[in-house]
Amino acid sequence: YLLNKNIFFLDKYLILEKLEKFNFLEEIKIQKIFPSEININLKKTKFLGSTIINGEKFFIGNNGKFTDSKQIKIEKNLPLIFGKFKIDEFLELQNILEEKQIDIKKIVKYYYYRNKRWDFQNQDGLIVMLPSKNIKNSLKIYKKMISNVNLSSIKIVDLRVPSQIILTNEK
C-alpha cells in the first residue's frame, strides 16, 4: 500500500498501526527521509517461553505479548509454561529469578497455579515449589542451599512454607 504514494501524505502512525499487529516486534522506528524515502527499523523481541492457549501454541515475548506460533518460527528450545497466567506475572518471575542469579537457561518447565504461585523444573528434573509471597526470600534460601548441599537424589524442593525447606526424593 506504500508503493507509488506521495511521502508527504503518508501517515507514519498508520504504518505503525499496521506493524504493531505483529506481536513479535519489540521496537518499531519509522523515519521519513524527504523527498522519497521511508526508513523502517524493526527489532524482534526475545522469546522467553511457550504456552498453550485454547489449544493453540503461543510464544511469550520479552515485550509482554503472546505471539502465535504461526507468525514466527523458533529454532531453539524454550521452556513450557503451564497454567492460566498473565504475561506480567511471568515477566516478574523472570526478573526475580535473574535478580537472584538463578540460571533460567536450565529451566525447562514452569507451572502457574490459581493462587498466584509458581513452580519450575530444571533440566535435571528437580522441581522447585515457590510460595505465592516472599519469593525473593525463598529463592535466597534456595540459592544458599544448592551451593552447600548435593541435590542429586532430591526430586522436589518445597519452599512454600515460610522458614522451612522440605526436600523430597520421590515425585
Protein backbone atom coordinates (compact mmCIF):
# COMPACT_ATOMS: atom_id res chain seq x y z
CA TYR A 1 0.00 0.00 0.00
CA LEU A 2 3.04 2.27 0.25
CA LEU A 3 4.16 1.90 -3.36
CA ASN A 4 3.62 4.93 -5.60
CA LYS A 5 2.29 7.03 -2.71
CA ASN A 6 3.35 10.60 -2.05
CA ILE A 7 5.60 10.64 1.01
CA PHE A 8 4.18 13.99 2.14
CA PHE A 9 0.72 12.48 2.57
CA LEU A 10 1.77 9.21 4.23
CA ASP A 11 0.77 8.99 7.85
CA LYS A 12 3.57 7.25 9.77
CA TYR A 13 1.09 6.42 12.56
CA LEU A 14 -0.95 4.38 10.07
CA ILE A 15 2.20 2.45 9.15
CA LEU A 16 2.98 1.99 12.83
CA GLU A 17 -0.55 0.74 13.50
CA LYS A 18 -0.22 -1.90 10.78
CA LEU A 19 3.17 -3.07 12.08
CA GLU A 20 2.01 -3.28 15.70
CA LYS A 21 -0.25 -6.19 14.70
CA PHE A 22 2.90 -8.33 14.66
CA ASN A 23 3.35 -9.24 18.32
CA PHE A 24 6.90 -10.45 17.78
CA LEU A 25 8.13 -6.90 17.17
CA GLU A 26 9.53 -5.15 20.22
CA GLU A 27 10.71 -1.89 18.71
CA ILE A 28 9.48 -0.05 15.62
CA LYS A 29 11.06 3.14 14.32
CA ILE A 30 9.71 4.94 11.26
CA GLN A 31 11.52 7.86 9.70
CA LYS A 32 10.58 9.86 6.62
CA ILE A 33 13.57 10.98 4.58
CA PHE A 34 12.42 13.57 2.13
CA PRO A 35 11.88 13.67 -0.79
CA SER A 36 11.22 9.99 -1.47
CA GLU A 37 12.39 7.55 1.19
CA ILE A 38 10.99 5.90 4.32
CA ASN A 39 13.24 4.03 6.75
CA ILE A 40 11.55 1.42 8.92
CA ASN A 41 13.72 -0.17 11.61
CA LEU A 42 12.32 -3.22 13.38
CA LYS A 43 13.62 -5.15 16.37
CA LYS A 44 12.31 -8.62 17.14
CA THR A 45 11.56 -9.41 20.78
CA LYS A 46 13.41 -12.05 22.78
CA PHE A 47 11.21 -15.09 23.41
CA LEU A 48 11.22 -16.46 26.95
CA GLY A 49 8.92 -19.47 26.70
CA SER A 50 5.94 -21.09 25.06
CA THR A 51 2.44 -21.92 26.26
CA ILE A 52 -0.85 -23.33 25.01
CA ILE A 53 -3.92 -21.09 24.97
CA ASN A 54 -7.23 -22.61 23.82
CA GLY A 55 -5.38 -25.42 22.06
CA GLU A 56 -3.04 -23.08 20.16
CA LYS A 57 0.69 -22.68 20.79
CA PHE A 58 1.96 -19.19 21.63
CA PHE A 59 5.38 -17.79 22.38
CA ILE A 60 5.90 -15.41 25.28
CA GLY A 61 7.89 -12.35 24.35
CA ASN A 62 10.04 -10.10 26.48
CA ASN A 63 7.85 -7.29 25.09
CA GLY A 64 4.91 -8.53 27.19
CA LYS A 65 2.93 -10.06 24.33
CA PHE A 66 1.82 -13.51 23.25
CA THR A 67 2.87 -14.34 19.68
CA ASP A 68 1.01 -17.01 17.74
CA SER A 69 3.42 -19.77 16.71
CA LYS A 70 2.10 -19.45 13.15
CA GLN A 71 3.57 -15.94 12.89
CA ILE A 72 7.17 -16.92 13.59
CA LYS A 73 9.43 -19.96 13.60
CA ILE A 74 11.58 -20.58 16.66
CA GLU A 75 14.57 -22.90 16.37
CA LYS A 76 15.75 -23.08 19.97
CA ASN A 77 14.08 -24.96 22.78
CA LEU A 78 12.06 -22.69 25.00
CA PRO A 79 10.66 -23.65 28.40
CA LEU A 80 7.00 -24.65 28.54
CA ILE A 81 4.69 -22.66 30.78
CA PHE A 82 1.56 -24.35 32.09
CA GLY A 83 -1.46 -22.63 33.61
CA LYS A 84 -3.55 -19.51 33.05
CA PHE A 85 -1.25 -16.62 33.83
CA LYS A 86 -0.78 -13.01 32.84
CA ILE A 87 2.40 -12.19 30.98
CA ASP A 88 3.25 -9.53 33.56
CA GLU A 89 3.29 -12.20 36.27
CA PHE A 90 5.64 -14.38 34.24
CA LEU A 91 7.94 -11.45 33.41
CA GLU A 92 8.04 -10.52 37.10
CA LEU A 93 9.07 -14.09 37.99
CA GLN A 94 11.78 -13.98 35.31
CA ASN A 95 13.12 -10.73 36.75
CA ILE A 96 13.19 -12.17 40.27
CA LEU A 97 14.98 -15.33 39.08
CA GLU A 98 17.59 -13.27 37.25
CA GLU A 99 17.99 -10.93 40.23
CA LYS A 100 18.66 -13.93 42.49
CA GLN A 101 21.07 -15.34 39.87
CA ILE A 102 19.08 -18.49 39.15
CA ASP A 103 20.17 -19.88 35.76
CA ILE A 104 16.92 -19.59 33.80
CA LYS A 105 18.52 -21.32 30.80
CA LYS A 106 18.38 -24.57 32.77
CA ILE A 107 14.64 -24.29 33.47
CA VAL A 108 12.54 -26.46 31.13
CA LYS A 109 9.05 -26.04 32.62
CA TYR A 110 7.10 -23.51 34.66
CA TYR A 111 3.80 -24.25 36.39
CA TYR A 112 1.41 -21.48 37.39
CA TYR A 113 -1.38 -22.06 39.92
CA ARG A 114 -4.56 -20.08 40.53
CA ASN A 115 -3.34 -18.90 43.93
CA LYS A 116 -0.63 -16.93 42.04
CA ARG A 117 2.08 -19.42 42.90
CA TRP A 118 4.83 -20.74 40.61
CA ASP A 119 6.84 -23.96 40.39
CA PHE A 120 9.68 -24.61 38.00
CA GLN A 121 11.53 -27.70 36.85
CA ASN A 122 15.14 -27.73 35.72
CA GLN A 123 16.94 -29.98 33.21
CA ASP A 124 17.85 -32.48 35.93
CA GLY A 125 14.18 -33.00 36.80
CA LEU A 126 14.39 -31.07 40.08
CA ILE A 127 11.10 -29.29 40.84
CA VAL A 128 11.23 -26.12 42.94
CA MET A 129 7.93 -25.13 44.53
CA LEU A 130 7.76 -21.40 45.26
CA PRO A 131 5.41 -19.62 47.67
CA SER A 132 2.86 -17.09 46.48
CA LYS A 133 4.51 -14.39 48.63
CA ASN A 134 8.11 -13.61 49.58
CA ILE A 135 9.54 -15.36 46.54
CA LYS A 136 12.79 -13.41 46.84
CA ASN A 137 13.44 -14.69 50.38
CA SER A 138 12.65 -18.25 49.36
CA LEU A 139 14.98 -18.07 46.37
CA LYS A 140 17.72 -16.62 48.55
CA ILE A 141 17.41 -19.65 50.86
CA TYR A 142 17.28 -21.99 47.85
CA LYS A 143 20.40 -20.40 46.34
CA LYS A 144 22.32 -20.88 49.62
CA MET A 145 21.13 -24.45 49.90
CA ILE A 146 22.13 -25.53 46.38
CA SER A 147 25.62 -24.14 46.88
CA ASN A 148 26.11 -26.19 50.07
CA VAL A 149 24.08 -29.39 49.55
CA ASN A 150 24.26 -32.13 46.91
CA LEU A 151 20.76 -32.35 45.41
CA SER A 152 21.40 -35.28 43.05
CA SER A 153 18.92 -37.59 44.82
CA ILE A 154 16.36 -34.84 45.56
CA LYS A 155 13.35 -34.54 43.23
CA ILE A 156 11.34 -31.74 44.89
CA VAL A 157 12.40 -28.66 46.85
CA ASP A 158 9.32 -27.21 48.55
CA LEU A 159 9.74 -23.58 49.66
CA ARG A 160 6.06 -22.80 50.19
CA VAL A 161 6.14 -22.86 53.99
CA PRO A 162 7.88 -19.80 55.48
CA SER A 163 11.19 -20.55 57.25
CA GLN A 164 11.14 -24.19 56.10
CA ILE A 165 12.61 -26.22 53.27
CA ILE A 166 11.03 -29.56 52.51
CA LEU A 167 13.16 -31.91 50.40
CA THR A 168 11.58 -34.95 48.75
CA ASN A 169 13.49 -37.69 46.98
CA GLU A 170 10.49 -39.04 45.05
CA LYS A 171 7.78 -37.41 42.95
